């Protein structure tokens, strides 16, 4: 059984890129690795923790805990970051995006957080997802 991290990352990027509210706020700045020259706001898929061999209705699968970061430097403070986080939740919570192999049994947002950084101009949003796949 193959780890489904890469197909899940690709499906998250595709789902966010296809969501009008997300793209209205961040454009195409949705990354699994942000370039040094990236402008704000942006969404970064930061980490994926994979746990193999869970039992699903289709057999064995994977449970993944995915962490996304939203970075903003808006002159209106954390408002923009809150808006992007809300759009990401709307795009991903309780969805079943297609994978190149197998499928998503469940994708749920399990927590969100928005906080100002110490530099006084950057706001960080953190979104944690639980994704269950089958093979």
C-alpha atoms as a PDB file:
ATOM      1  CA  UNK A   1       0.000   0.000   0.000  1.00  0.00           C
ATOM      2  CA  UNK A   2       1.422   3.343  -1.085  1.00  0.00           C
ATOM      3  CA  UNK A   3       1.359   6.527   1.038  1.00  0.00           C
ATOM      4  CA  UNK A   4      -1.332   8.844  -0.316  1.00  0.00           C
ATOM      5  CA  UNK A   5       0.315  12.116   0.828  1.00  0.00           C
ATOM      6  CA  UNK A   6       1.281  13.408  -2.626  1.00  0.00           C
ATOM      7  CA  UNK A   7      -2.125  12.708  -4.243  1.00  0.00           C
ATOM      8  CA  UNK A   8      -3.865  14.339  -1.253  1.00  0.00           C
ATOM      9  CA  UNK A   9      -1.636  17.441  -1.501  1.00  0.00           C
ATOM     10  CA  UNK A  10      -2.391  17.671  -5.228  1.00  0.00           C
ATOM     11  CA  UNK A  11      -6.138  17.303  -4.586  1.00  0.00           C
ATOM     12  CA  UNK A  12      -6.083  20.024  -1.898  1.00  0.00           C
ATOM     13  CA  UNK A  13      -4.275  22.427  -4.238  1.00  0.00           C
ATOM     14  CA  UNK A  14      -6.757  21.607  -7.030  1.00  0.00           C
ATOM     15  CA  UNK A  15      -9.780  22.103  -4.733  1.00  0.00           C
ATOM     16  CA  UNK A  16      -8.478  25.440  -3.431  1.00  0.00           C
ATOM     17  CA  UNK A  17      -7.544  26.607  -6.948  1.00  0.00           C
ATOM     18  CA  UNK A  18     -11.061  25.814  -8.172  1.00  0.00           C
ATOM     19  CA  UNK A  19     -12.827  27.647  -5.331  1.00  0.00           C
ATOM     20  CA  UNK A  20     -13.870  31.172  -6.375  1.00  0.00           C
ATOM     21  CA  UNK A  21     -13.686  32.708  -2.876  1.00  0.00           C
ATOM     22  CA  UNK A  22     -10.168  31.352  -2.320  1.00  0.00           C
ATOM     23  CA  UNK A  23      -8.838  32.542  -5.679  1.00  0.00           C
ATOM     24  CA  UNK A  24     -10.505  35.947  -5.247  1.00  0.00           C
ATOM     25  CA  UNK A  25      -8.400  36.403  -2.096  1.00  0.00           C
ATOM     26  CA  UNK A  26      -5.062  34.718  -2.938  1.00  0.00           C
ATOM     27  CA  UNK A  27      -5.104  34.312  -6.721  1.00  0.00           C
ATOM     28  CA  UNK A  28      -2.837  31.415  -7.667  1.00  0.00           C
ATOM     29  CA  UNK A  29      -0.614  31.743  -4.567  1.00  0.00           C
ATOM     30  CA  UNK A  30      -1.347  28.230  -3.245  1.00  0.00           C
ATOM     31  CA  UNK A  31       1.857  26.300  -2.649  1.00  0.00           C
ATOM     32  CA  UNK A  32       3.302  23.096  -1.296  1.00  0.00           C
ATOM     33  CA  UNK A  33       6.593  25.009  -1.267  1.00  0.00           C
ATOM     34  CA  UNK A  34       6.445  28.790  -1.468  1.00  0.00           C
ATOM     35  CA  UNK A  35       9.060  30.582  -3.569  1.00  0.00           C
ATOM     36  CA  UNK A  36      11.182  33.200  -1.813  1.00  0.00           C
ATOM     37  CA  UNK A  37       9.614  35.890  -3.988  1.00  0.00           C
ATOM     38  CA  UNK A  38       5.985  34.972  -3.149  1.00  0.00           C
ATOM     39  CA  UNK A  39       3.658  37.877  -2.448  1.00  0.00           C
ATOM     40  CA  UNK A  40       0.912  38.009   0.172  1.00  0.00           C
ATOM     41  CA  UNK A  41      -1.605  36.685   0.987  1.00  0.00           C
ATOM     42  CA  UNK A  42      -0.706  33.087   0.290  1.00  0.00           C
ATOM     43  CA  UNK A  43      -1.611  29.546   1.315  1.00  0.00           C
ATOM     44  CA  UNK A  44       1.106  27.009   2.101  1.00  0.00           C
ATOM     45  CA  UNK A  45       0.583  23.288   2.666  1.00  0.00           C
ATOM     46  CA  UNK A  46       3.126  22.970   5.441  1.00  0.00           C
ATOM     47  CA  UNK A  47       3.104  19.421   6.768  1.00  0.00           C
ATOM     48  CA  UNK A  48       1.455  16.045   6.346  1.00  0.00           C
ATOM     49  CA  UNK A  49       1.496  13.324   8.991  1.00  0.00           C
ATOM     50  CA  UNK A  50       0.497   9.933   7.520  1.00  0.00           C
ATOM     51  CA  UNK A  51      -0.758   6.933   9.459  1.00  0.00           C
ATOM     52  CA  UNK A  52      -1.067   3.775   7.324  1.00  0.00           C
ATOM     53  CA  UNK A  53      -3.431   0.835   7.302  1.00  0.00           C
ATOM     54  CA  UNK A  54      -6.630   2.199   8.773  1.00  0.00           C
ATOM     55  CA  UNK A  55      -9.754   0.177   8.068  1.00  0.00           C
ATOM     56  CA  UNK A  56     -12.192   1.777   5.636  1.00  0.00           C
ATOM     57  CA  UNK A  57     -15.273   0.465   3.896  1.00  0.00           C
ATOM     58  CA  UNK A  58     -13.109  -0.086   0.805  1.00  0.00           C
ATOM     59  CA  UNK A  59     -10.370  -1.986   2.674  1.00  0.00           C
ATOM     60  CA  UNK A  60      -7.185  -0.430   4.004  1.00  0.00           C
ATOM     61  CA  UNK A  61      -6.299   3.201   3.691  1.00  0.00           C
ATOM     62  CA  UNK A  62      -4.490   6.130   5.230  1.00  0.00           C
ATOM     63  CA  UNK A  63      -5.286   8.753   7.810  1.00  0.00           C
ATOM     64  CA  UNK A  64      -3.486  12.024   7.127  1.00  0.00           C
ATOM     65  CA  UNK A  65      -3.243  15.097   9.318  1.00  0.00           C
ATOM     66  CA  UNK A  66      -2.522  18.049   7.042  1.00  0.00           C
ATOM     67  CA  UNK A  67      -1.474  21.513   8.222  1.00  0.00           C
ATOM     68  CA  UNK A  68      -2.012  24.536   5.981  1.00  0.00           C
ATOM     69  CA  UNK A  69      -0.708  28.009   6.713  1.00  0.00           C
ATOM     70  CA  UNK A  70      -2.169  31.277   5.516  1.00  0.00           C
ATOM     71  CA  UNK A  71       0.202  34.244   5.490  1.00  0.00           C
ATOM     72  CA  UNK A  72      -1.026  37.816   5.187  1.00  0.00           C
ATOM     73  CA  UNK A  73       0.501  41.296   5.445  1.00  0.00           C
ATOM     74  CA  UNK A  74      -2.610  43.371   4.958  1.00  0.00           C
ATOM     75  CA  UNK A  75      -2.784  46.994   6.126  1.00  0.00           C
ATOM     76  CA  UNK A  76      -6.189  46.172   7.671  1.00  0.00           C
ATOM     77  CA  UNK A  77      -4.575  43.720  10.065  1.00  0.00           C
ATOM     78  CA  UNK A  78      -5.850  40.174  10.603  1.00  0.00           C
ATOM     79  CA  UNK A  79      -9.135  40.682   8.698  1.00  0.00           C
ATOM     80  CA  UNK A  80      -7.685  39.424   5.407  1.00  0.00           C
ATOM     81  CA  UNK A  81      -6.185  36.349   7.071  1.00  0.00           C
ATOM     82  CA  UNK A  82      -9.525  35.517   8.706  1.00  0.00           C
ATOM     83  CA  UNK A  83     -11.228  35.844   5.314  1.00  0.00           C
ATOM     84  CA  UNK A  84      -8.739  33.477   3.639  1.00  0.00           C
ATOM     85  CA  UNK A  85      -9.035  30.942   6.465  1.00  0.00           C
ATOM     86  CA  UNK A  86     -12.840  31.034   6.172  1.00  0.00           C
ATOM     87  CA  UNK A  87     -12.639  30.507   2.400  1.00  0.00           C
ATOM     88  CA  UNK A  88     -10.267  27.544   2.839  1.00  0.00           C
ATOM     89  CA  UNK A  89     -12.629  25.976   5.379  1.00  0.00           C
ATOM     90  CA  UNK A  90     -15.535  26.472   2.981  1.00  0.00           C
ATOM     91  CA  UNK A  91     -13.545  24.887   0.130  1.00  0.00           C
ATOM     92  CA  UNK A  92     -12.312  21.807   2.023  1.00  0.00           C
ATOM     93  CA  UNK A  93     -14.505  20.932   5.021  1.00  0.00           C
ATOM     94  CA  UNK A  94     -16.630  17.799   4.540  1.00  0.00           C
ATOM     95  CA  UNK A  95     -15.467  17.288   0.953  1.00  0.00           C
ATOM     96  CA  UNK A  96     -14.249  14.266  -0.983  1.00  0.00           C
ATOM     97  CA  UNK A  97     -11.833  15.536  -3.632  1.00  0.00           C
ATOM     98  CA  UNK A  98     -10.732  13.123  -6.335  1.00  0.00           C
ATOM     99  CA  UNK A  99      -7.335  11.450  -6.074  1.00  0.00           C
ATOM    100  CA  UNK A 100      -5.173  10.006  -8.823  1.00  0.00           C
ATOM    101  CA  UNK A 101      -5.348   6.647  -7.006  1.00  0.00           C
ATOM    102  CA  UNK A 102      -7.971   5.532  -4.498  1.00  0.00           C
ATOM    103  CA  UNK A 103     -10.266   8.121  -3.045  1.00  0.00           C
ATOM    104  CA  UNK A 104     -10.905  10.437  -0.134  1.00  0.00           C
ATOM    105  CA  UNK A 105     -13.317   8.869   2.320  1.00  0.00           C
ATOM    106  CA  UNK A 106     -13.463  12.013   4.437  1.00  0.00           C
ATOM    107  CA  UNK A 107     -11.828  15.433   4.679  1.00  0.00           C
ATOM    108  CA  UNK A 108     -12.614  17.576   7.704  1.00  0.00           C
ATOM    109  CA  UNK A 109     -11.226  20.749   9.178  1.00  0.00           C
ATOM    110  CA  UNK A 110     -10.373  19.932  12.790  1.00  0.00           C
ATOM    111  CA  UNK A 111      -9.078  23.334  13.905  1.00  0.00           C
ATOM    112  CA  UNK A 112      -8.194  26.840  12.795  1.00  0.00           C
ATOM    113  CA  UNK A 113      -6.176  29.607  14.405  1.00  0.00           C
ATOM    114  CA  UNK A 114      -5.279  33.154  13.374  1.00  0.00           C
ATOM    115  CA  UNK A 115      -2.572  35.120  15.177  1.00  0.00           C
ATOM    116  CA  UNK A 116      -0.425  38.211  14.687  1.00  0.00           C
ATOM    117  CA  UNK A 117       3.316  37.613  14.330  1.00  0.00           C
ATOM    118  CA  UNK A 118       5.891  39.541  16.370  1.00  0.00           C
ATOM    119  CA  UNK A 119       6.990  41.652  13.387  1.00  0.00           C
ATOM    120  CA  UNK A 120       3.778  43.713  13.732  1.00  0.00           C
ATOM    121  CA  UNK A 121       2.777  43.367  10.065  1.00  0.00           C
ATOM    122  CA  UNK A 122       2.314  39.636   9.406  1.00  0.00           C
ATOM    123  CA  UNK A 123      -0.708  37.551  10.354  1.00  0.00           C
ATOM    124  CA  UNK A 124      -0.579  33.750  10.293  1.00  0.00           C
ATOM    125  CA  UNK A 125      -3.541  31.440   9.924  1.00  0.00           C
ATOM    126  CA  UNK A 126      -3.255  27.723  10.654  1.00  0.00           C
ATOM    127  CA  UNK A 127      -5.770  25.177   9.371  1.00  0.00           C
ATOM    128  CA  UNK A 128      -5.560  21.530  10.379  1.00  0.00           C
ATOM    129  CA  UNK A 129      -7.307  18.866   8.298  1.00  0.00           C
ATOM    130  CA  UNK A 130      -8.014  15.219   8.926  1.00  0.00           C
ATOM    131  CA  UNK A 131      -8.126  13.257   5.679  1.00  0.00           C
ATOM    132  CA  UNK A 132      -8.990   9.582   5.364  1.00  0.00           C
ATOM    133  CA  UNK A 133      -8.265   7.753   2.105  1.00  0.00           C
ATOM    134  CA  UNK A 134      -8.784   4.257   0.778  1.00  0.00           C
ATOM    135  CA  UNK A 135      -6.630   2.418  -1.728  1.00  0.00           C
END
